[in-house]
PDB file of all heavy atoms in Angstrom:
ATOM      1  N   ALA A   1     -52.379  -1.334 -39.079  1.00  0.00           N
ATOM      2  CA  ALA A   1     -51.748  -0.992 -40.379  1.00  0.00           C
ATOM      3  C   ALA A   1     -52.936  -0.317 -41.314  1.00  0.00           C
ATOM      4  O   ALA A   1     -54.128  -0.766 -41.064  1.00  0.00           O
ATOM      5  CB  ALA A   1     -51.239  -2.212 -41.059  1.00  0.00           C
ATOM      6  N   PRO A   2     -52.634   0.492 -42.240  1.00  0.00           N
ATOM      7  CA  PRO A   2     -53.662   1.019 -43.125  1.00  0.00           C
ATOM      8  C   PRO A   2     -54.345  -0.110 -43.883  1.00  0.00           C
ATOM      9  O   PRO A   2     -53.805  -0.968 -44.477  1.00  0.00           O
ATOM     10  CB  PRO A   2     -52.805   1.883 -44.126  1.00  0.00           C
ATOM     11  CG  PRO A   2     -51.587   2.227 -43.382  1.00  0.00           C
ATOM     12  CD  PRO A   2     -51.254   1.072 -42.498  1.00  0.00           C
ATOM     13  N   GLY A   3     -55.729  -0.024 -43.835  1.00  0.00           N
ATOM     14  CA  GLY A   3     -56.451  -0.958 -44.544  1.00  0.00           C
ATOM     15  C   GLY A   3     -56.601  -2.318 -43.855  1.00  0.00           C
ATOM     16  O   GLY A   3     -57.174  -3.299 -44.425  1.00  0.00           O
ATOM     17  N   LYS A   4     -56.142  -2.484 -42.667  1.00  0.00           N
ATOM     18  CA  LYS A   4     -56.160  -3.767 -42.031  1.00  0.00           C
ATOM     19  C   LYS A   4     -56.838  -3.577 -40.670  1.00  0.00           C
ATOM     20  O   LYS A   4     -56.956  -2.460 -40.114  1.00  0.00           O
ATOM     21  CB  LYS A   4     -54.768  -4.341 -41.803  1.00  0.00           C
ATOM     22  CG  LYS A   4     -54.030  -4.673 -42.965  1.00  0.00           C
ATOM     23  CD  LYS A   4     -52.594  -5.251 -42.650  1.00  0.00           C
ATOM     24  CE  LYS A   4     -51.852  -5.613 -43.987  1.00  0.00           C
ATOM     25  NZ  LYS A   4     -50.511  -6.266 -43.629  1.00  0.00           N
ATOM     26  N   GLU A   5     -57.337  -4.762 -40.080  1.00  0.00           N
ATOM     27  CA  GLU A   5     -57.949  -4.665 -38.822  1.00  0.00           C
ATOM     28  C   GLU A   5     -56.873  -4.620 -37.734  1.00  0.00           C
ATOM     29  O   GLU A   5     -55.690  -5.018 -37.873  1.00  0.00           O
ATOM     30  CB  GLU A   5     -58.833  -5.997 -38.521  1.00  0.00           C
ATOM     31  CG  GLU A   5     -59.966  -6.119 -39.459  1.00  0.00           C
ATOM     32  CD  GLU A   5     -61.069  -5.117 -39.054  1.00  0.00           C
ATOM     33  OE1 GLU A   5     -61.265  -4.909 -37.897  1.00  0.00           O
ATOM     34  OE2 GLU A   5     -61.595  -4.513 -39.981  1.00  0.00           O
ATOM     35  N   ARG A   6     -57.247  -3.950 -36.643  1.00  0.00           N
ATOM     36  CA  ARG A   6     -56.365  -3.879 -35.426  1.00  0.00           C
ATOM     37  C   ARG A   6     -56.045  -5.285 -34.911  1.00  0.00           C
ATOM     38  O   ARG A   6     -57.036  -6.216 -34.909  1.00  0.00           O
ATOM     39  CB  ARG A   6     -57.065  -3.152 -34.286  1.00  0.00           C
ATOM     40  CG  ARG A   6     -56.178  -2.935 -33.102  1.00  0.00           C
ATOM     41  CD  ARG A   6     -56.896  -1.987 -32.167  1.00  0.00           C
ATOM     42  NE  ARG A   6     -58.297  -2.359 -31.797  1.00  0.00           N
ATOM     43  CZ  ARG A   6     -59.132  -1.548 -31.126  1.00  0.00           C
ATOM     44  NH1 ARG A   6     -58.784  -0.332 -30.753  1.00  0.00           N
ATOM     45  NH2 ARG A   6     -60.276  -1.974 -30.941  1.00  0.00           N
ATOM     46  N   GLU A   7     -54.749  -5.580 -34.666  1.00  0.00           N
ATOM     47  CA  GLU A   7     -54.328  -6.861 -34.350  1.00  0.00           C
ATOM     48  C   GLU A   7     -53.587  -6.917 -33.039  1.00  0.00           C
ATOM     49  O   GLU A   7     -52.744  -6.049 -32.781  1.00  0.00           O
ATOM     50  CB  GLU A   7     -53.452  -7.311 -35.486  1.00  0.00           C
ATOM     51  CG  GLU A   7     -52.872  -8.698 -35.256  1.00  0.00           C
ATOM     52  CD  GLU A   7     -51.892  -9.166 -36.336  1.00  0.00           C
ATOM     53  OE1 GLU A   7     -51.301  -8.322 -36.958  1.00  0.00           O
ATOM     54  OE2 GLU A   7     -51.739 -10.404 -36.590  1.00  0.00           O
ATOM     55  N   CYS A   8     -53.946  -7.876 -32.251  1.00  0.00           N
ATOM     56  CA  CYS A   8     -53.210  -8.108 -31.013  1.00  0.00           C
ATOM     57  C   CYS A   8     -51.884  -8.893 -31.436  1.00  0.00           C
ATOM     58  O   CYS A   8     -51.973  -9.995 -32.040  1.00  0.00           O
ATOM     59  CB  CYS A   8     -54.033  -8.926 -29.985  1.00  0.00           C
ATOM     60  SG  CYS A   8     -53.060  -9.285 -28.559  1.00  0.00           S
ATOM     61  N   VAL A   9     -50.842  -8.238 -31.107  1.00  0.00           N
ATOM     62  CA  VAL A   9     -49.467  -8.844 -31.496  1.00  0.00           C
ATOM     63  C   VAL A   9     -48.965  -9.783 -30.435  1.00  0.00           C
ATOM     64  O   VAL A   9     -48.546 -10.853 -30.717  1.00  0.00           O
ATOM     65  CB  VAL A   9     -48.485  -7.644 -31.701  1.00  0.00           C
ATOM     66  CG1 VAL A   9     -47.122  -8.307 -32.127  1.00  0.00           C
ATOM     67  CG2 VAL A   9     -48.967  -6.734 -32.904  1.00  0.00           C
ATOM     68  N   ALA A  10     -48.944  -9.325 -29.222  1.00  0.00           N
ATOM     69  CA  ALA A  10     -48.370 -10.144 -28.128  1.00  0.00           C
ATOM     70  C   ALA A  10     -48.864  -9.551 -26.853  1.00  0.00           C
ATOM     71  O   ALA A  10     -49.123  -8.364 -26.635  1.00  0.00           O
ATOM     72  CB  ALA A  10     -47.043 -10.156 -28.163  1.00  0.00           C
ATOM     73  N   THR A  11     -49.061 -10.419 -25.790  1.00  0.00           N
ATOM     74  CA  THR A  11     -49.519  -9.947 -24.491  1.00  0.00           C
ATOM     75  C   THR A  11     -48.602 -10.701 -23.433  1.00  0.00           C
ATOM     76  O   THR A  11     -48.074 -11.839 -23.716  1.00  0.00           O
ATOM     77  CB  THR A  11     -50.903 -10.238 -24.223  1.00  0.00           C
ATOM     78  OG1 THR A  11     -51.241 -11.616 -24.045  1.00  0.00           O
ATOM     79  CG2 THR A  11     -51.895  -9.542 -25.230  1.00  0.00           C
ATOM     80  N   ILE A  12     -48.649 -10.130 -22.290  1.00  0.00           N
ATOM     81  CA  ILE A  12     -47.829 -10.676 -21.197  1.00  0.00           C
ATOM     82  C   ILE A  12     -48.496 -10.387 -19.890  1.00  0.00           C
ATOM     83  O   ILE A  12     -49.032  -9.386 -19.605  1.00  0.00           O
ATOM     84  CB  ILE A  12     -46.407 -10.109 -21.145  1.00  0.00           C
ATOM     85  CG1 ILE A  12     -45.492 -10.743 -20.174  1.00  0.00           C
ATOM     86  CG2 ILE A  12     -46.418  -8.586 -21.007  1.00  0.00           C
ATOM     87  CD1 ILE A  12     -43.986 -10.419 -20.426  1.00  0.00           C
ATOM     88  N   SER A  13     -48.567 -11.442 -18.997  1.00  0.00           N
ATOM     89  CA  SER A  13     -49.331 -11.267 -17.780  1.00  0.00           C
ATOM     90  C   SER A  13     -48.431 -10.400 -16.811  1.00  0.00           C
ATOM     91  O   SER A  13     -47.318 -10.114 -17.023  1.00  0.00           O
ATOM     92  CB  SER A  13     -49.500 -12.650 -17.215  1.00  0.00           C
ATOM     93  OG  SER A  13     -48.289 -13.275 -16.793  1.00  0.00           O
ATOM     94  N   TRP A  14     -49.119 -10.050 -15.750  1.00  0.00           N
ATOM     95  CA  TRP A  14     -48.540  -8.997 -14.729  1.00  0.00           C
ATOM     96  C   TRP A  14     -47.091  -9.449 -14.259  1.00  0.00           C
ATOM     97  O   TRP A  14     -46.331  -8.551 -13.960  1.00  0.00           O
ATOM     98  CB  TRP A  14     -49.529  -8.886 -13.674  1.00  0.00           C
ATOM     99  CG  TRP A  14     -49.641 -10.042 -12.745  1.00  0.00           C
ATOM    100  CD1 TRP A  14     -50.484 -11.093 -12.838  1.00  0.00           C
ATOM    101  CD2 TRP A  14     -48.928 -10.446 -11.583  1.00  0.00           C
ATOM    102  NE1 TRP A  14     -50.298 -12.021 -11.827  1.00  0.00           N
ATOM    103  CE2 TRP A  14     -49.345 -11.572 -11.026  1.00  0.00           C
ATOM    104  CE3 TRP A  14     -47.816  -9.692 -10.932  1.00  0.00           C
ATOM    105  CZ2 TRP A  14     -48.776 -12.244  -9.848  1.00  0.00           C
ATOM    106  CZ3 TRP A  14     -47.284 -10.303  -9.720  1.00  0.00           C
ATOM    107  CH2 TRP A  14     -47.796 -11.516  -9.261  1.00  0.00           C
ATOM    108  N   ASN A  15     -46.909 -10.789 -14.176  1.00  0.00           N
ATOM    109  CA  ASN A  15     -45.723 -11.230 -13.678  1.00  0.00           C
ATOM    110  C   ASN A  15     -44.715 -11.887 -14.686  1.00  0.00           C
ATOM    111  O   ASN A  15     -43.735 -12.463 -14.462  1.00  0.00           O
ATOM    112  CB  ASN A  15     -45.780 -12.237 -12.603  1.00  0.00           C
ATOM    113  CG  ASN A  15     -46.623 -13.511 -13.045  1.00  0.00           C
ATOM    114  OD1 ASN A  15     -47.094 -13.583 -14.183  1.00  0.00           O
ATOM    115  ND2 ASN A  15     -46.646 -14.501 -12.176  1.00  0.00           N
ATOM    116  N   GLY A  16     -45.218 -11.779 -16.000  1.00  0.00           N
ATOM    117  CA  GLY A  16     -44.342 -12.230 -17.068  1.00  0.00           C
ATOM    118  C   GLY A  16     -44.535 -13.728 -17.294  1.00  0.00           C
ATOM    119  O   GLY A  16     -43.972 -14.363 -18.084  1.00  0.00           O
ATOM    120  N   GLY A  17     -45.492 -14.415 -16.536  1.00  0.00           N
ATOM    121  CA  GLY A  17     -45.541 -15.868 -16.531  1.00  0.00           C
ATOM    122  C   GLY A  17     -46.318 -16.420 -17.675  1.00  0.00           C
ATOM    123  O   GLY A  17     -46.143 -17.562 -18.011  1.00  0.00           O
ATOM    124  N   GLN A  18     -47.201 -15.647 -18.280  1.00  0.00           N
ATOM    125  CA  GLN A  18     -48.030 -16.164 -19.385  1.00  0.00           C
ATOM    126  C   GLN A  18     -47.838 -15.217 -20.488  1.00  0.00           C
ATOM    127  O   GLN A  18     -48.037 -14.046 -20.448  1.00  0.00           O
ATOM    128  CB  GLN A  18     -49.509 -16.260 -18.983  1.00  0.00           C
ATOM    129  CG  GLN A  18     -49.781 -17.334 -17.996  1.00  0.00           C
ATOM    130  CD  GLN A  18     -49.551 -18.778 -18.471  1.00  0.00           C
ATOM    131  OE1 GLN A  18     -49.650 -19.058 -19.582  1.00  0.00           O
ATOM    132  NE2 GLN A  18     -49.155 -19.587 -17.479  1.00  0.00           N
ATOM    133  N   LEU A  19     -47.535 -15.741 -21.699  1.00  0.00           N
ATOM    134  CA  LEU A  19     -47.328 -14.944 -22.985  1.00  0.00           C
ATOM    135  C   LEU A  19     -48.281 -15.435 -24.017  1.00  0.00           C
ATOM    136  O   LEU A  19     -48.802 -16.579 -24.055  1.00  0.00           O
ATOM    137  CB  LEU A  19     -45.933 -15.163 -23.428  1.00  0.00           C
ATOM    138  CG  LEU A  19     -44.755 -15.060 -22.491  1.00  0.00           C
ATOM    139  CD1 LEU A  19     -43.490 -15.366 -23.158  1.00  0.00           C
ATOM    140  CD2 LEU A  19     -44.739 -13.644 -21.821  1.00  0.00           C
ATOM    141  N   TYR A  20     -48.623 -14.533 -24.846  1.00  0.00           N
ATOM    142  CA  TYR A  20     -49.504 -14.790 -25.944  1.00  0.00           C
ATOM    143  C   TYR A  20     -48.863 -14.171 -27.152  1.00  0.00           C
ATOM    144  O   TYR A  20     -48.405 -12.956 -27.098  1.00  0.00           O
ATOM    145  CB  TYR A  20     -50.901 -14.245 -25.900  1.00  0.00           C
ATOM    146  CG  TYR A  20     -51.713 -14.311 -27.059  1.00  0.00           C
ATOM    147  CD1 TYR A  20     -52.387 -15.341 -27.540  1.00  0.00           C
ATOM    148  CD2 TYR A  20     -51.855 -13.039 -27.850  1.00  0.00           C
ATOM    149  CE1 TYR A  20     -53.105 -15.335 -28.721  1.00  0.00           C
ATOM    150  CE2 TYR A  20     -52.537 -13.039 -28.942  1.00  0.00           C
ATOM    151  CZ  TYR A  20     -53.208 -14.210 -29.379  1.00  0.00           C
ATOM    152  OH  TYR A  20     -53.909 -14.133 -30.564  1.00  0.00           O
ATOM    153  N   TYR A  21     -48.855 -14.815 -28.432  1.00  0.00           N
ATOM    154  CA  TYR A  21     -48.461 -14.222 -29.614  1.00  0.00           C
ATOM    155  C   TYR A  21     -49.455 -14.469 -30.714  1.00  0.00           C
ATOM    156  O   TYR A  21     -50.035 -15.573 -30.795  1.00  0.00           O
ATOM    157  CB  TYR A  21     -47.063 -14.798 -30.051  1.00  0.00           C
ATOM    158  CG  TYR A  21     -45.951 -14.546 -29.112  1.00  0.00           C
ATOM    159  CD1 TYR A  21     -45.513 -15.459 -28.085  1.00  0.00           C
ATOM    160  CD2 TYR A  21     -45.272 -13.301 -29.306  1.00  0.00           C
ATOM    161  CE1 TYR A  21     -44.433 -15.236 -27.309  1.00  0.00           C
ATOM    162  CE2 TYR A  21     -44.178 -13.016 -28.365  1.00  0.00           C
ATOM    163  CZ  TYR A  21     -43.774 -13.958 -27.531  1.00  0.00           C
ATOM    164  OH  TYR A  21     -42.760 -13.657 -26.636  1.00  0.00           O
ATOM    165  N   ALA A  22     -49.639 -13.472 -31.597  1.00  0.00           N
ATOM    166  CA  ALA A  22     -50.385 -13.734 -32.828  1.00  0.00           C
ATOM    167  C   ALA A  22     -49.579 -14.753 -33.743  1.00  0.00           C
ATOM    168  O   ALA A  22     -48.409 -14.787 -33.687  1.00  0.00           O
ATOM    169  CB  ALA A  22     -50.584 -12.388 -33.579  1.00  0.00           C
ATOM    170  N   ASP A  23     -50.302 -15.474 -34.457  1.00  0.00           N
ATOM    171  CA  ASP A  23     -49.627 -16.524 -35.299  1.00  0.00           C
ATOM    172  C   ASP A  23     -48.808 -15.819 -36.269  1.00  0.00           C
ATOM    173  O   ASP A  23     -47.762 -16.371 -36.694  1.00  0.00           O
ATOM    174  CB  ASP A  23     -50.738 -17.311 -36.074  1.00  0.00           C
ATOM    175  CG  ASP A  23     -51.521 -18.244 -35.216  1.00  0.00           C
ATOM    176  OD1 ASP A  23     -51.001 -18.564 -34.121  1.00  0.00           O
ATOM    177  OD2 ASP A  23     -52.671 -18.704 -35.616  1.00  0.00           O
ATOM    178  N   SER A  24     -49.088 -14.579 -36.695  1.00  0.00           N
ATOM    179  CA  SER A  24     -48.333 -13.926 -37.619  1.00  0.00           C
ATOM    180  C   SER A  24     -47.005 -13.539 -37.188  1.00  0.00           C
ATOM    181  O   SER A  24     -46.094 -13.213 -38.073  1.00  0.00           O
ATOM    182  CB  SER A  24     -49.145 -12.578 -38.158  1.00  0.00           C
ATOM    183  OG  SER A  24     -49.404 -11.805 -37.080  1.00  0.00           O
ATOM    184  N   VAL A  25     -46.731 -13.478 -35.928  1.00  0.00           N
ATOM    185  CA  VAL A  25     -45.398 -13.061 -35.327  1.00  0.00           C
ATOM    186  C   VAL A  25     -44.782 -14.188 -34.578  1.00  0.00           C
ATOM    187  O   VAL A  25     -43.609 -13.983 -34.103  1.00  0.00           O
ATOM    188  CB  VAL A  25     -45.551 -11.802 -34.471  1.00  0.00           C
ATOM    189  CG1 VAL A  25     -46.251 -10.702 -35.272  1.00  0.00           C
ATOM    190  CG2 VAL A  25     -46.322 -12.072 -33.219  1.00  0.00           C
ATOM    191  N   GLN A  26     -45.419 -15.279 -34.392  1.00  0.00           N
ATOM    192  CA  GLN A  26     -44.906 -16.464 -33.582  1.00  0.00           C
ATOM    193  C   GLN A  26     -43.398 -16.778 -34.169  1.00  0.00           C
ATOM    194  O   GLN A  26     -43.307 -16.924 -35.293  1.00  0.00           O
ATOM    195  CB  GLN A  26     -45.849 -17.586 -33.647  1.00  0.00           C
ATOM    196  CG  GLN A  26     -45.488 -18.786 -32.821  1.00  0.00           C
ATOM    197  CD  GLN A  26     -45.877 -18.535 -31.307  1.00  0.00           C
ATOM    198  OE1 GLN A  26     -45.066 -18.332 -30.468  1.00  0.00           O
ATOM    199  NE2 GLN A  26     -47.199 -18.562 -31.149  1.00  0.00           N
ATOM    200  N   GLY A  27     -42.526 -16.834 -33.262  1.00  0.00           N
ATOM    201  CA  GLY A  27     -41.207 -17.238 -33.561  1.00  0.00           C
ATOM    202  C   GLY A  27     -40.345 -16.144 -34.069  1.00  0.00           C
ATOM    203  O   GLY A  27     -39.091 -16.283 -34.125  1.00  0.00           O
ATOM    204  N   ARG A  28     -40.891 -14.864 -34.256  1.00  0.00           N
ATOM    205  CA  ARG A  28     -40.121 -13.838 -34.711  1.00  0.00           C
ATOM    206  C   ARG A  28     -40.055 -12.695 -33.670  1.00  0.00           C
ATOM    207  O   ARG A  28     -39.146 -11.911 -33.655  1.00  0.00           O
ATOM    208  CB  ARG A  28     -40.644 -13.300 -35.985  1.00  0.00           C
ATOM    209  CG  ARG A  28     -40.587 -14.264 -37.157  1.00  0.00           C
ATOM    210  CD  ARG A  28     -40.933 -13.627 -38.427  1.00  0.00           C
ATOM    211  NE  ARG A  28     -42.348 -13.071 -38.450  1.00  0.00           N
ATOM    212  CZ  ARG A  28     -42.646 -11.763 -38.570  1.00  0.00           C
ATOM    213  NH1 ARG A  28     -41.664 -10.862 -38.662  1.00  0.00           N
ATOM    214  NH2 ARG A  28     -43.891 -11.404 -38.508  1.00  0.00           N
TER     215      ARG A  28
END
């Protein structure tokens, strides 16, 4: 976003078995 640092939003492993979410989007 303008004026903000690049942020990792979410990631997913090759088989979908492991997920990661940024705190800012968790639950949404």
